[in-house]
């Protein structure tokens, strides 16, 4: 990599030279250009209509733009030319360099590469920087049946749109866990992730809004917590309709995107 020099720097993550939505990982003197994930959780002001999260050097994680000032570094290397495309991690990078190591290893301190009991079917996961990771015991079966089967701890990542659910398989009699969608997590697990700043780093706030089929009507809803149910349905009085841009009831012709036709309020 010609635009960042990791020589003499400790292993860790550093601000990107010019792109706040990316960061540089220095591993054994080698620089890897990494991208922060998409910003899909919650409406503005957290994401501020930006597509990606922003790297927060102070907390060593990708954070919401509304909480993180844009900082870049001057540790630029021999070339001052910027790549014409968003750079990516080389294809020959190993799994251990692609997945960040947690500050505190879960699962009783076991980490990737440790030996494990091949009969151990328990999985252990955690959330960090809006992504989920988990540990599992990969069985190593030798060709010679006289030799014993061994196991090795593997550190893996859930799909970008999935979250680690420690309760997923509890009902079948053993603690395992699995990756699942946010809406399928229990309220307790959702609450634990929301309260963990290393996981999501946002705060609950209320909201008034509409569904797509409610646009240009008097109907709207209110939620005390925009990430969790329940919600309550409401409607404007008289002949007013809900204006989601100003969060109040207004006459039809004063609501952007709506107009009166034949006595009814319809989308433009």
Protein backbone atom coordinates (compact mmCIF):
# COMPACT_ATOMS: atom_id res chain seq x y z
CA UNK A 1 0.00 0.00 0.00
CA UNK A 2 1.62 3.24 -1.15
CA UNK A 3 -0.43 5.74 0.85
CA UNK A 4 0.05 4.52 4.43
CA UNK A 5 3.13 3.26 6.23
CA UNK A 6 2.70 0.94 9.23
CA UNK A 7 6.42 0.53 9.84
CA UNK A 8 7.23 1.46 13.41
CA UNK A 9 3.54 1.55 14.43
CA UNK A 10 1.95 -0.80 16.94
CA UNK A 11 -0.62 -3.31 15.75
CA UNK A 12 -4.02 -1.64 15.74
CA UNK A 13 -6.40 0.59 13.79
CA UNK A 14 -5.62 4.13 12.63
CA UNK A 15 -7.46 6.99 10.95
CA UNK A 16 -7.59 6.80 7.17
CA UNK A 17 -5.55 9.44 5.30
CA UNK A 18 -8.59 11.06 3.66
CA UNK A 19 -11.76 8.94 4.01
CA UNK A 20 -13.53 9.03 7.40
CA UNK A 21 -15.70 6.04 6.47
CA UNK A 22 -12.58 3.86 6.24
CA UNK A 23 -9.66 3.08 8.53
CA UNK A 24 -6.23 1.50 8.35
CA UNK A 25 -5.32 -1.68 10.23
CA UNK A 26 -1.62 -2.16 10.93
CA UNK A 27 -0.69 -5.82 11.41
CA UNK A 28 2.99 -6.72 11.80
CA UNK A 29 4.04 -3.64 9.83
CA UNK A 30 1.59 -4.25 6.98
CA UNK A 31 -1.25 -1.80 6.25
CA UNK A 32 -4.76 -2.98 5.37
CA UNK A 33 -7.41 -0.56 4.13
CA UNK A 34 -10.77 -1.44 5.70
CA UNK A 35 -14.26 -0.02 5.19
CA UNK A 36 -16.74 0.82 7.93
CA UNK A 37 -20.07 -1.00 7.51
CA UNK A 38 -23.28 0.49 6.16
CA UNK A 39 -25.32 2.73 8.45
CA UNK A 40 -28.69 0.89 8.40
CA UNK A 41 -29.73 1.22 12.04
CA UNK A 42 -32.09 4.04 12.77
CA UNK A 43 -33.05 7.19 10.86
CA UNK A 44 -31.32 10.58 11.18
CA UNK A 45 -29.81 12.15 13.21
CA UNK A 46 -27.56 9.11 13.80
CA UNK A 47 -26.61 8.44 10.19
CA UNK A 48 -27.21 11.97 8.91
CA UNK A 49 -28.30 10.47 5.56
CA UNK A 50 -24.79 9.04 5.04
CA UNK A 51 -24.33 5.53 3.66
CA UNK A 52 -21.47 4.45 5.93
CA UNK A 53 -20.47 4.69 9.57
CA UNK A 54 -17.44 6.83 10.48
CA UNK A 55 -14.29 5.52 12.18
CA UNK A 56 -13.95 6.69 15.79
CA UNK A 57 -10.28 6.43 16.73
CA UNK A 58 -10.95 7.23 20.41
CA UNK A 59 -13.13 4.12 20.84
CA UNK A 60 -11.50 2.03 18.09
CA UNK A 61 -14.79 1.35 16.30
CA UNK A 62 -17.01 2.60 13.49
CA UNK A 63 -19.58 4.96 14.96
CA UNK A 64 -22.55 7.07 13.88
CA UNK A 65 -21.53 10.26 12.00
CA UNK A 66 -23.59 12.38 14.40
CA UNK A 67 -21.41 11.18 17.31
CA UNK A 68 -18.03 11.15 15.59
CA UNK A 69 -16.02 14.07 14.20
CA UNK A 70 -14.35 13.37 10.89
CA UNK A 71 -10.63 12.83 11.57
CA UNK A 72 -7.91 11.79 9.15
CA UNK A 73 -4.23 11.16 9.71
CA UNK A 74 -1.05 12.64 8.32
CA UNK A 75 0.82 9.31 8.42
CA UNK A 76 0.93 9.10 4.65
CA UNK A 77 3.64 7.26 2.85
CA UNK A 78 5.89 7.69 -0.11
CA UNK A 79 3.13 8.46 -2.61
CA UNK A 80 0.64 11.30 -2.28
CA UNK A 81 -1.58 9.99 -5.05
CA UNK A 82 -4.94 8.68 -3.95
CA UNK A 83 -6.36 5.51 -5.53
CA UNK A 84 -9.08 6.12 -8.09
CA UNK A 85 -11.30 3.46 -6.47
CA UNK A 86 -12.12 2.59 -2.87
CA UNK A 87 -9.25 0.21 -1.97
CA UNK A 88 -9.99 -3.20 -0.53
CA UNK A 89 -8.18 -5.75 1.59
CA UNK A 90 -5.94 -8.03 -0.52
CA UNK A 91 -7.47 -11.36 -1.52
CA UNK A 92 -4.64 -13.26 0.20
CA UNK A 93 -5.57 -11.90 3.64
CA UNK A 94 -6.34 -14.63 6.14
CA UNK A 95 -9.45 -14.94 8.28
CA UNK A 96 -7.52 -13.87 11.38
CA UNK A 97 -6.69 -10.48 9.81
CA UNK A 98 -10.20 -9.88 8.47
CA UNK A 99 -11.99 -10.28 11.79
CA UNK A 100 -11.02 -7.85 14.57
CA UNK A 101 -10.08 -9.39 17.87
CA UNK A 102 -12.28 -8.33 20.82
CA UNK A 103 -10.75 -6.47 23.75
CA UNK A 104 -12.00 -9.19 26.09
CA UNK A 105 -12.31 -12.68 24.69
CA UNK A 106 -15.67 -14.28 25.50
CA UNK A 107 -16.16 -18.01 26.03
CA UNK A 108 -13.91 -18.23 29.08
CA UNK A 109 -10.96 -16.63 27.30
CA UNK A 110 -10.81 -19.13 24.45
CA UNK A 111 -9.61 -17.62 21.20
CA UNK A 112 -9.13 -18.62 17.58
CA UNK A 113 -6.61 -21.41 17.17
CA UNK A 114 -7.04 -22.86 20.67
CA UNK A 115 -7.66 -26.58 20.98
CA UNK A 116 -11.19 -27.66 21.83
CA UNK A 117 -13.13 -30.82 22.54
CA UNK A 118 -14.51 -32.10 19.20
CA UNK A 119 -17.65 -33.11 21.13
CA UNK A 120 -18.20 -29.49 22.21
CA UNK A 121 -21.20 -28.17 20.28
CA UNK A 122 -21.57 -24.91 22.23
CA UNK A 123 -21.14 -21.67 20.37
CA UNK A 124 -20.38 -18.31 21.92
CA UNK A 125 -20.99 -14.96 20.22
CA UNK A 126 -20.87 -11.24 20.84
CA UNK A 127 -21.65 -7.92 19.16
CA UNK A 128 -19.08 -5.25 18.31
CA UNK A 129 -19.37 -2.18 16.07
CA UNK A 130 -22.82 -3.21 14.74
CA UNK A 131 -21.41 -6.57 13.65
CA UNK A 132 -21.72 -9.98 15.29
CA UNK A 133 -18.99 -12.57 15.77
CA UNK A 134 -18.96 -16.08 17.24
CA UNK A 135 -16.63 -18.91 18.20
CA UNK A 136 -17.13 -22.57 17.34
CA UNK A 137 -15.16 -25.78 17.49
CA UNK A 138 -14.08 -26.99 14.05
CA UNK A 139 -13.44 -30.72 13.99
CA UNK A 140 -10.23 -31.96 12.40
CA UNK A 141 -10.83 -35.54 11.25
CA UNK A 142 -7.64 -37.41 10.24
CA UNK A 143 -7.53 -39.76 7.27
CA UNK A 144 -6.25 -42.52 9.53
CA UNK A 145 -9.21 -43.84 11.60
CA UNK A 146 -6.78 -44.94 14.31
CA UNK A 147 -5.90 -41.34 15.07
CA UNK A 148 -8.15 -39.25 17.33
CA UNK A 149 -10.43 -36.49 16.10
CA UNK A 150 -9.22 -33.09 17.31
CA UNK A 151 -10.84 -29.68 17.48
CA UNK A 152 -9.78 -26.09 16.88
CA UNK A 153 -11.56 -22.87 17.91
CA UNK A 154 -12.63 -20.77 14.91
CA UNK A 155 -13.56 -17.07 15.08
CA UNK A 156 -16.26 -16.31 12.50
CA UNK A 157 -18.53 -13.40 11.57
CA UNK A 158 -22.30 -13.34 11.03
CA UNK A 159 -23.63 -11.98 7.74
CA UNK A 160 -23.71 -8.18 7.70
CA UNK A 161 -27.50 -8.04 8.11
CA UNK A 162 -27.61 -10.66 10.90
CA UNK A 163 -27.05 -10.52 14.67
CA UNK A 164 -25.80 -13.08 17.14
CA UNK A 165 -28.68 -14.63 19.07
CA UNK A 166 -27.51 -16.48 22.20
CA UNK A 167 -31.05 -17.75 22.80
CA UNK A 168 -31.66 -19.19 19.35
CA UNK A 169 -31.37 -22.89 20.24
CA UNK A 170 -31.95 -22.77 24.00
CA UNK A 171 -35.33 -24.48 23.60
CA UNK A 172 -33.78 -27.67 22.21
CA UNK A 173 -31.93 -28.39 25.42
CA UNK A 174 -28.44 -26.95 25.00
CA UNK A 175 -26.87 -23.51 24.83
CA UNK A 176 -25.58 -22.89 21.35
CA UNK A 177 -26.74 -19.71 19.63
CA UNK A 178 -26.93 -18.68 15.99
CA UNK A 179 -26.99 -15.68 13.68
CA UNK A 180 -30.45 -14.27 12.99
CA UNK A 181 -32.28 -11.11 11.98
CA UNK A 182 -32.77 -8.21 14.39
CA UNK A 183 -36.55 -8.61 14.48
CA UNK A 184 -36.16 -12.25 15.52
CA UNK A 185 -34.07 -11.42 18.60
CA UNK A 186 -35.87 -11.42 21.93
CA UNK A 187 -36.57 -8.06 23.55
CA UNK A 188 -33.99 -8.87 26.22
CA UNK A 189 -31.24 -9.50 23.67
CA UNK A 190 -32.18 -6.39 21.69
CA UNK A 191 -32.09 -4.37 24.89
CA UNK A 192 -28.66 -5.72 25.84
CA UNK A 193 -27.25 -4.77 22.41
CA UNK A 194 -28.82 -1.32 22.50
CA UNK A 195 -27.33 -0.61 25.91
CA UNK A 196 -23.85 -1.74 24.84
CA UNK A 197 -22.07 1.22 23.23
CA UNK A 198 -19.45 -1.09 21.75
CA UNK A 199 -22.26 -2.84 19.90
CA UNK A 200 -24.57 -0.14 18.55
CA UNK A 201 -23.63 3.10 20.35
CA UNK A 202 -26.98 4.79 19.96
CA UNK A 203 -29.60 6.03 22.35
CA UNK A 204 -33.32 5.42 22.32
CA UNK A 205 -35.59 8.24 21.23
CA UNK A 206 -39.26 8.56 20.41
CA UNK A 207 -40.68 9.17 16.94
CA UNK A 208 -43.86 10.04 15.10
CA UNK A 209 -44.13 8.77 11.55
CA UNK A 210 -46.24 7.08 8.86
CA UNK A 211 -46.22 3.89 6.86
CA UNK A 212 -46.04 4.19 3.08
CA UNK A 213 -49.75 3.50 2.68
CA UNK A 214 -50.57 6.29 5.15
CA UNK A 215 -48.96 9.12 3.17
CA UNK A 216 -51.36 12.01 2.46
CA UNK A 217 -53.85 10.71 5.04
CA UNK A 218 -54.66 11.75 8.57
CA UNK A 219 -53.23 8.52 9.99
CA UNK A 220 -49.83 8.30 11.72
CA UNK A 221 -48.18 6.40 14.56
CA UNK A 222 -46.10 7.08 17.64
CA UNK A 223 -43.39 4.93 19.23
CA UNK A 224 -41.74 5.55 22.58
CA UNK A 225 -38.74 3.56 21.35
CA UNK A 226 -38.22 3.51 17.58
CA UNK A 227 -36.33 0.21 17.72
CA UNK A 228 -38.84 -1.80 19.72
CA UNK A 229 -42.61 -2.38 19.77
CA UNK A 230 -45.25 -1.44 20.61
CA UNK A 231 -46.49 1.55 18.68
CA UNK A 232 -49.74 3.45 19.03
CA UNK A 233 -51.85 4.58 16.07
CA UNK A 234 -53.24 8.11 15.86
CA UNK A 235 -55.03 10.38 13.40
CA UNK A 236 -55.38 14.10 12.82
CA UNK A 237 -58.65 15.83 13.67
CA UNK A 238 -61.03 17.51 11.25
CA UNK A 239 -59.94 17.62 7.61
CA UNK A 240 -56.22 17.85 8.39
CA UNK A 241 -53.62 15.28 7.35
CA UNK A 242 -50.30 14.25 8.86
CA UNK A 243 -47.17 16.00 7.60
CA UNK A 244 -44.22 13.76 8.39
CA UNK A 245 -41.68 16.43 7.39
CA UNK A 246 -42.85 18.78 10.17
CA UNK A 247 -44.29 16.12 12.54
CA UNK A 248 -47.72 17.75 12.85
CA UNK A 249 -51.18 17.94 11.29
CA UNK A 250 -51.66 20.37 8.39
CA UNK A 251 -54.03 21.07 5.54
CA UNK A 252 -53.47 18.88 2.50
CA UNK A 253 -52.12 21.54 0.15
CA UNK A 254 -49.48 22.56 2.70
CA UNK A 255 -48.02 19.06 2.96
CA UNK A 256 -45.11 18.39 0.55
CA UNK A 257 -45.98 15.71 -1.97
CA UNK A 258 -49.76 15.96 -1.43
CA UNK A 259 -52.55 17.84 -3.19
CA UNK A 260 -56.35 18.07 -3.13
CA UNK A 261 -58.15 16.34 -6.01
CA UNK A 262 -61.93 16.06 -6.19
CA UNK A 263 -62.15 16.81 -2.49
CA UNK A 264 -59.63 14.12 -1.48
CA UNK A 265 -56.00 14.47 -0.47
CA UNK A 266 -53.78 12.38 -2.77
CA UNK A 267 -50.06 12.04 -3.45
CA UNK A 268 -48.76 14.31 -6.21
